[in-house]
Amino acid sequence: MCVQANTHRKTRGTLRDDYEVAMRADTHSLAETRNCNMLKNVRSKMLQGERSEVCQRCNKEDDVGQQSRRRLDVRRLHERF
């Protein structure tokens, strides 16, 4: 999950379920949030080398050569595993 998803929206960082309801720790399980359609779509696009509209912050940082959160996390995971 990404804490910076939807930074272009008023409700930045908020995961939403299929009905556009904000997913919260007191109303949704970790499994539900990890498997929501929004994150499934993001993961699918990333695996295909495509960008997702909810990743605008990282996309902009990547475009100007900055170290985006996405690239930092990918490097950390690669080093760890």
N, C-alpha and C. Protein backbone atom coordinates (compact mmCIF):
# COMPACT_ATOMS: atom_id res chain seq x y z
N MET A 1 0.85 -1.17 0.00
CA MET A 1 0.00 0.00 0.00
C MET A 1 0.89 1.23 0.00
N CYS A 2 0.38 2.29 -0.52
CA CYS A 2 1.16 3.51 -0.64
C CYS A 2 0.52 4.64 0.17
N VAL A 3 1.32 5.25 1.01
CA VAL A 3 0.80 6.36 1.81
C VAL A 3 0.66 7.62 0.99
N GLN A 4 1.22 7.62 -0.21
CA GLN A 4 1.16 8.82 -1.04
C GLN A 4 0.19 8.69 -2.20
N ALA A 5 -0.57 7.62 -2.23
CA ALA A 5 -1.56 7.46 -3.31
C ALA A 5 -2.59 8.58 -3.24
N ASN A 6 -3.02 9.00 -4.38
CA ASN A 6 -4.06 10.04 -4.48
C ASN A 6 -3.62 11.38 -3.90
N THR A 7 -2.34 11.71 -3.96
CA THR A 7 -1.90 13.00 -3.41
C THR A 7 -2.46 14.17 -4.19
N HIS A 8 -2.99 13.90 -5.38
CA HIS A 8 -3.59 14.97 -6.18
C HIS A 8 -5.03 15.24 -5.78
N ARG A 9 -5.59 14.40 -4.91
CA ARG A 9 -6.98 14.57 -4.48
C ARG A 9 -7.03 15.29 -3.14
N LYS A 10 -8.19 15.80 -2.82
CA LYS A 10 -8.40 16.46 -1.54
C LYS A 10 -8.20 15.46 -0.40
N THR A 11 -8.57 14.21 -0.63
CA THR A 11 -8.43 13.16 0.38
C THR A 11 -7.17 12.35 0.11
N ARG A 12 -6.05 13.01 0.06
CA ARG A 12 -4.80 12.35 -0.33
C ARG A 12 -4.46 11.17 0.58
N GLY A 13 -3.88 10.16 -0.02
CA GLY A 13 -3.45 8.99 0.71
C GLY A 13 -4.57 8.05 1.12
N THR A 14 -5.78 8.35 0.71
CA THR A 14 -6.93 7.56 1.15
C THR A 14 -7.26 6.46 0.15
N LEU A 15 -7.25 5.23 0.62
CA LEU A 15 -7.72 4.13 -0.21
C LEU A 15 -9.24 4.14 -0.19
N ARG A 16 -9.83 3.77 -1.30
CA ARG A 16 -11.29 3.75 -1.39
C ARG A 16 -11.74 2.39 -1.89
N ASP A 17 -12.87 1.96 -1.36
CA ASP A 17 -13.41 0.68 -1.81
C ASP A 17 -14.16 0.86 -3.13
N ASP A 18 -14.83 -0.18 -3.57
CA ASP A 18 -15.53 -0.14 -4.86
C ASP A 18 -16.66 0.88 -4.91
N TYR A 19 -17.10 1.33 -3.75
CA TYR A 19 -18.20 2.30 -3.68
C TYR A 19 -17.69 3.70 -3.34
N GLU A 20 -16.36 3.90 -3.48
CA GLU A 20 -15.71 5.19 -3.20
C GLU A 20 -15.78 5.59 -1.73
N VAL A 21 -15.97 4.62 -0.85
CA VAL A 21 -15.96 4.87 0.59
C VAL A 21 -14.52 4.74 1.08
N ALA A 22 -14.08 5.70 1.89
CA ALA A 22 -12.71 5.66 2.42
C ALA A 22 -12.52 4.41 3.26
N MET A 23 -11.41 3.72 3.03
CA MET A 23 -11.10 2.52 3.79
C MET A 23 -10.29 2.93 5.01
N ARG A 24 -10.77 2.49 6.19
CA ARG A 24 -10.12 2.87 7.44
C ARG A 24 -9.80 1.61 8.25
N ALA A 25 -8.82 1.73 9.14
CA ALA A 25 -8.40 0.59 9.94
C ALA A 25 -9.51 0.07 10.85
N ASP A 26 -10.43 0.94 11.24
CA ASP A 26 -11.50 0.48 12.13
C ASP A 26 -12.71 -0.08 11.38
N THR A 27 -12.70 0.00 10.05
CA THR A 27 -13.83 -0.52 9.28
C THR A 27 -13.43 -1.56 8.24
N HIS A 28 -12.15 -1.67 7.94
CA HIS A 28 -11.68 -2.61 6.92
C HIS A 28 -10.45 -3.35 7.44
N SER A 29 -10.33 -4.61 7.07
CA SER A 29 -9.16 -5.40 7.45
C SER A 29 -7.98 -5.07 6.54
N LEU A 30 -6.81 -5.46 6.96
CA LEU A 30 -5.62 -5.26 6.14
C LEU A 30 -5.76 -6.01 4.82
N ALA A 31 -6.32 -7.21 4.88
CA ALA A 31 -6.52 -8.00 3.66
C ALA A 31 -7.47 -7.29 2.70
N GLU A 32 -8.53 -6.68 3.24
CA GLU A 32 -9.47 -5.95 2.38
C GLU A 32 -8.80 -4.77 1.71
N THR A 33 -7.98 -4.04 2.45
CA THR A 33 -7.33 -2.87 1.86
C THR A 33 -6.30 -3.29 0.82
N ARG A 34 -5.53 -4.31 1.12
CA ARG A 34 -4.52 -4.78 0.16
C ARG A 34 -5.15 -5.30 -1.12
N ASN A 35 -6.34 -5.82 -1.02
CA ASN A 35 -6.99 -6.44 -2.17
C ASN A 35 -8.11 -5.61 -2.77
N CYS A 36 -8.16 -4.32 -2.43
CA CYS A 36 -9.20 -3.48 -3.03
C CYS A 36 -8.88 -3.31 -4.52
N ASN A 37 -9.91 -3.06 -5.30
CA ASN A 37 -9.74 -2.96 -6.75
C ASN A 37 -8.76 -1.87 -7.15
N MET A 38 -8.74 -0.76 -6.39
CA MET A 38 -7.82 0.32 -6.73
C MET A 38 -6.37 -0.17 -6.71
N LEU A 39 -5.98 -0.87 -5.63
CA LEU A 39 -4.60 -1.36 -5.55
C LEU A 39 -4.34 -2.50 -6.52
N LYS A 40 -5.33 -3.33 -6.78
CA LYS A 40 -5.17 -4.38 -7.79
C LYS A 40 -4.87 -3.76 -9.16
N ASN A 41 -5.59 -2.69 -9.49
CA ASN A 41 -5.37 -2.01 -10.77
C ASN A 41 -3.99 -1.37 -10.82
N VAL A 42 -3.56 -0.75 -9.73
CA VAL A 42 -2.23 -0.13 -9.68
C VAL A 42 -1.16 -1.20 -9.88
N ARG A 43 -1.27 -2.31 -9.15
CA ARG A 43 -0.27 -3.38 -9.28
C ARG A 43 -0.25 -3.96 -10.69
N SER A 44 -1.42 -4.16 -11.27
CA SER A 44 -1.50 -4.70 -12.62
C SER A 44 -0.83 -3.77 -13.63
N LYS A 45 -1.10 -2.47 -13.51
CA LYS A 45 -0.48 -1.51 -14.43
C LYS A 45 1.03 -1.48 -14.25
N MET A 46 1.49 -1.53 -12.99
CA MET A 46 2.94 -1.51 -12.75
C MET A 46 3.61 -2.73 -13.36
N LEU A 47 2.98 -3.90 -13.24
CA LEU A 47 3.54 -5.11 -13.82
C LEU A 47 3.61 -5.04 -15.34
N GLN A 48 2.73 -4.26 -15.94
CA GLN A 48 2.71 -4.08 -17.39
C GLN A 48 3.57 -2.89 -17.83
N GLY A 49 4.22 -2.24 -16.87
CA GLY A 49 5.06 -1.09 -17.19
C GLY A 49 4.28 0.18 -17.45
N GLU A 50 3.03 0.21 -17.03
CA GLU A 50 2.18 1.39 -17.23
C GLU A 50 2.09 2.19 -15.94
N ARG A 51 1.70 3.44 -16.09
CA ARG A 51 1.52 4.32 -14.94
C ARG A 51 0.06 4.37 -14.53
N SER A 52 -0.15 4.60 -13.26
CA SER A 52 -1.51 4.74 -12.74
C SER A 52 -1.76 6.20 -12.39
N GLU A 53 -3.00 6.64 -12.59
CA GLU A 53 -3.34 8.03 -12.30
C GLU A 53 -3.27 8.33 -10.81
N VAL A 54 -3.38 7.33 -9.95
CA VAL A 54 -3.29 7.59 -8.51
C VAL A 54 -1.85 7.75 -8.04
N CYS A 55 -0.91 7.53 -8.93
CA CYS A 55 0.52 7.64 -8.59
C CYS A 55 1.13 8.93 -9.13
N GLN A 56 0.35 9.98 -9.22
CA GLN A 56 0.82 11.21 -9.86
C GLN A 56 2.07 11.78 -9.21
N ARG A 57 2.15 11.73 -7.89
CA ARG A 57 3.33 12.31 -7.23
C ARG A 57 4.61 11.59 -7.67
N CYS A 58 4.61 10.27 -7.60
CA CYS A 58 5.80 9.52 -8.01
C CYS A 58 6.07 9.70 -9.50
N ASN A 59 5.03 9.73 -10.31
CA ASN A 59 5.22 9.93 -11.75
C ASN A 59 5.92 11.25 -12.02
N LYS A 60 5.47 12.32 -11.36
CA LYS A 60 6.09 13.63 -11.56
C LYS A 60 7.53 13.64 -11.08
N GLU A 61 7.79 13.02 -9.92
CA GLU A 61 9.16 12.96 -9.40
C GLU A 61 10.06 12.15 -10.33
N ASP A 62 9.56 11.04 -10.85
CA ASP A 62 10.33 10.23 -11.80
C ASP A 62 10.65 11.03 -13.07
N ASP A 63 9.68 11.79 -13.55
CA ASP A 63 9.85 12.56 -14.79
C ASP A 63 10.96 13.60 -14.70
N VAL A 64 11.18 14.14 -13.52
CA VAL A 64 12.22 15.18 -13.37
C VAL A 64 13.50 14.62 -12.76
N GLY A 65 13.57 13.29 -12.63
CA GLY A 65 14.79 12.65 -12.16
C GLY A 65 14.98 12.64 -10.65
N GLN A 66 13.93 12.94 -9.91
CA GLN A 66 14.04 12.88 -8.45
C GLN A 66 13.89 11.44 -7.97
N GLN A 67 14.30 11.20 -6.74
CA GLN A 67 14.15 9.89 -6.11
C GLN A 67 12.72 9.76 -5.58
N SER A 68 11.84 9.14 -6.34
CA SER A 68 10.44 9.01 -5.91
C SER A 68 10.33 7.94 -4.83
N ARG A 69 9.25 8.01 -4.09
CA ARG A 69 8.97 7.01 -3.05
C ARG A 69 8.92 5.62 -3.69
N ARG A 70 8.35 5.52 -4.88
CA ARG A 70 8.25 4.24 -5.57
C ARG A 70 9.64 3.66 -5.84
N ARG A 71 10.53 4.46 -6.39
CA ARG A 71 11.88 3.95 -6.70
C ARG A 71 12.65 3.60 -5.43
N LEU A 72 12.48 4.41 -4.39
CA LEU A 72 13.14 4.14 -3.12
C LEU A 72 12.67 2.81 -2.54
N ASP A 73 11.36 2.58 -2.54
CA ASP A 73 10.82 1.33 -2.00
C ASP A 73 11.22 0.12 -2.84
N VAL A 74 11.26 0.27 -4.16
CA VAL A 74 11.69 -0.83 -5.02
C VAL A 74 13.14 -1.20 -4.69
N ARG A 75 13.99 -0.19 -4.53
CA ARG A 75 15.40 -0.44 -4.20
C ARG A 75 15.53 -1.12 -2.83
N ARG A 76 14.78 -0.63 -1.85
CA ARG A 76 14.82 -1.24 -0.51
C ARG A 76 14.38 -2.69 -0.54
N LEU A 77 13.30 -2.98 -1.26
CA LEU A 77 12.82 -4.36 -1.35
C LEU A 77 13.83 -5.25 -2.05
N HIS A 78 14.45 -4.73 -3.11
CA HIS A 78 15.46 -5.51 -3.84
C HIS A 78 16.64 -5.83 -2.94
N GLU A 79 17.09 -4.86 -2.15
CA GLU A 79 18.23 -5.08 -1.25
C GLU A 79 17.87 -6.04 -0.12
N ARG A 80 16.63 -5.99 0.31
CA ARG A 80 16.20 -6.81 1.44
C ARG A 80 15.96 -8.26 1.05
N PHE A 81 15.39 -8.47 -0.14
CA PHE A 81 15.04 -9.82 -0.56
C PHE A 81 15.90 -10.24 -1.72
